[in-house]
Amino acid sequence: MAALLNIRFRHLPVHPEAIRMPIVFPLLFLAFSLTLVTVTVARSFSISVVGLAMLAMALCLYTGMLQKRTPLRRFAPYRRCIDAIDDGFAVMAQIVFDGQIRLNSDNKENAAEDLKE
């Protein structure tokens, strides 16, 4: 959801055949989702702690894979572990979505040029 709003508000290039929707629909979805999460946490916090802990662990793992220039990358065990997890998720995504990861778009300029083609 955040990625779609980021693309929309920063006017980033998208595929020419991408479906465009009025901005009100993603914002309504975001409002309803936040309301559901807030009500669930407020009503049964003790049960929600497990989900919040899993979410926090996933966020830590995600930021670890996202940051290629983190100081932890200098440690070989960390690099091997994060790269293995990243490769595993990439393979899983290829299987689930029946797709192939493109390795030629390392930076935003190349990605923008690929979309224009």
Protein backbone atom coordinates (compact mmCIF):
# COMPACT_ATOMS: atom_id res chain seq x y z
CA MET A 1 0.00 0.00 0.00
CA ALA A 2 2.77 2.41 0.93
CA ALA A 3 4.63 1.57 -2.28
CA LEU A 4 1.58 2.34 -4.41
CA LEU A 5 1.02 5.66 -2.66
CA ASN A 6 4.73 6.46 -3.04
CA ILE A 7 4.57 5.77 -6.78
CA ARG A 8 1.44 7.87 -7.11
CA PHE A 9 2.59 10.92 -5.15
CA ARG A 10 6.14 11.01 -6.51
CA HIS A 11 4.94 10.48 -10.09
CA LEU A 12 7.39 7.61 -10.66
CA PRO A 13 7.31 5.90 -14.07
CA VAL A 14 5.00 2.90 -14.33
CA HIS A 15 4.24 0.41 -17.06
CA PRO A 16 2.06 1.94 -19.81
CA GLU A 17 -0.60 -0.74 -19.34
CA ALA A 18 -0.80 -0.30 -15.56
CA ILE A 19 -4.30 0.08 -14.14
CA ARG A 20 -4.94 3.54 -12.70
CA MET A 21 -7.46 4.12 -9.95
CA PRO A 22 -8.71 7.25 -8.21
CA ILE A 23 -6.53 8.01 -5.20
CA VAL A 24 -9.53 7.81 -2.86
CA PHE A 25 -9.69 3.99 -3.06
CA PRO A 26 -6.17 3.28 -1.75
CA LEU A 27 -6.62 5.93 0.94
CA LEU A 28 -9.94 4.37 2.04
CA PHE A 29 -8.32 0.94 2.14
CA LEU A 30 -5.49 2.33 4.26
CA ALA A 31 -7.95 3.99 6.66
CA PHE A 32 -10.03 0.80 7.06
CA SER A 33 -6.93 -1.35 7.56
CA LEU A 34 -5.48 0.95 10.20
CA THR A 35 -8.86 1.06 11.96
CA LEU A 36 -9.11 -2.73 12.05
CA VAL A 37 -5.59 -3.11 13.41
CA THR A 38 -6.11 -0.39 16.03
CA VAL A 39 -9.40 -1.87 17.26
CA THR A 40 -7.92 -5.37 17.44
CA VAL A 41 -4.89 -4.21 19.43
CA ALA A 42 -7.01 -2.05 21.75
CA ARG A 43 -9.57 -4.78 22.53
CA SER A 44 -7.24 -7.74 23.01
CA PHE A 45 -3.71 -6.49 23.50
CA SER A 46 -2.43 -9.68 25.12
CA ILE A 47 -3.34 -11.72 22.04
CA SER A 48 -2.10 -9.05 19.65
CA VAL A 49 1.37 -9.02 21.22
CA VAL A 50 2.29 -12.22 19.38
CA GLY A 51 1.34 -10.73 16.02
CA LEU A 52 3.08 -7.45 16.82
CA ALA A 53 6.25 -9.34 17.81
CA MET A 54 6.19 -11.27 14.53
CA LEU A 55 5.66 -8.02 12.66
CA ALA A 56 8.64 -6.44 14.45
CA MET A 57 10.86 -9.43 13.61
CA ALA A 58 9.76 -9.29 9.97
CA LEU A 59 10.50 -5.57 9.86
CA CYS A 60 14.01 -6.18 11.23
CA LEU A 61 14.61 -8.92 8.66
CA TYR A 62 13.26 -6.73 5.86
CA THR A 63 15.45 -3.78 6.76
CA GLY A 64 18.43 -6.13 6.98
CA MET A 65 17.84 -7.29 3.42
CA LEU A 66 16.97 -3.82 2.20
CA GLN A 67 20.16 -2.14 3.40
CA LYS A 68 22.98 -3.32 1.15
CA ARG A 69 25.41 -0.84 2.73
CA THR A 70 24.67 -1.55 6.38
CA PRO A 71 27.73 -1.89 8.67
CA LEU A 72 26.69 -5.48 9.38
CA ARG A 73 27.46 -6.44 5.76
CA ARG A 74 31.17 -6.54 6.60
CA PHE A 75 30.59 -9.72 8.62
CA ALA A 76 30.68 -12.77 6.37
CA PRO A 77 28.15 -14.86 8.38
CA TYR A 78 25.65 -12.01 8.24
CA ARG A 79 26.17 -11.61 4.48
CA ARG A 80 25.74 -15.33 3.84
CA CYS A 81 22.63 -15.55 6.00
CA ILE A 82 20.89 -12.48 4.55
CA ASP A 83 21.84 -13.38 0.98
CA ALA A 84 20.52 -16.93 1.46
CA ILE A 85 17.24 -15.61 2.87
CA ASP A 86 16.98 -13.05 0.06
CA ASP A 87 17.64 -15.69 -2.61
CA GLY A 88 15.13 -18.07 -1.00
CA PHE A 89 12.40 -15.43 -0.99
CA ALA A 90 13.23 -14.52 -4.59
CA VAL A 91 12.87 -18.15 -5.70
CA MET A 92 9.63 -18.50 -3.73
CA ALA A 93 8.24 -15.34 -5.34
CA GLN A 94 9.19 -16.62 -8.80
CA ILE A 95 7.33 -19.87 -8.15
CA VAL A 96 4.25 -18.25 -6.61
CA PHE A 97 3.92 -15.49 -9.20
CA ASP A 98 5.19 -17.57 -12.14
CA GLY A 99 7.70 -14.91 -13.05
CA GLN A 100 11.38 -14.21 -13.40
CA ILE A 101 13.48 -11.63 -11.59
CA ARG A 102 15.26 -9.18 -13.84
CA LEU A 103 18.83 -8.60 -12.75
CA ASN A 104 19.74 -5.86 -15.22
CA SER A 105 17.95 -3.03 -13.34
CA ASP A 106 20.36 -2.25 -10.51
CA ASN A 107 19.49 1.41 -10.18
CA LYS A 108 16.49 3.66 -10.69
CA GLU A 109 17.76 5.08 -13.98
CA ASN A 110 17.94 1.66 -15.63
CA ALA A 111 14.56 0.71 -14.17
CA ALA A 112 12.99 3.87 -15.57
CA GLU A 113 14.52 3.21 -18.99
CA ASP A 114 13.22 -0.37 -18.94
CA LEU A 115 9.70 0.87 -18.28
CA LYS A 116 9.84 3.30 -21.21
CA GLU A 117 10.70 0.54 -23.69
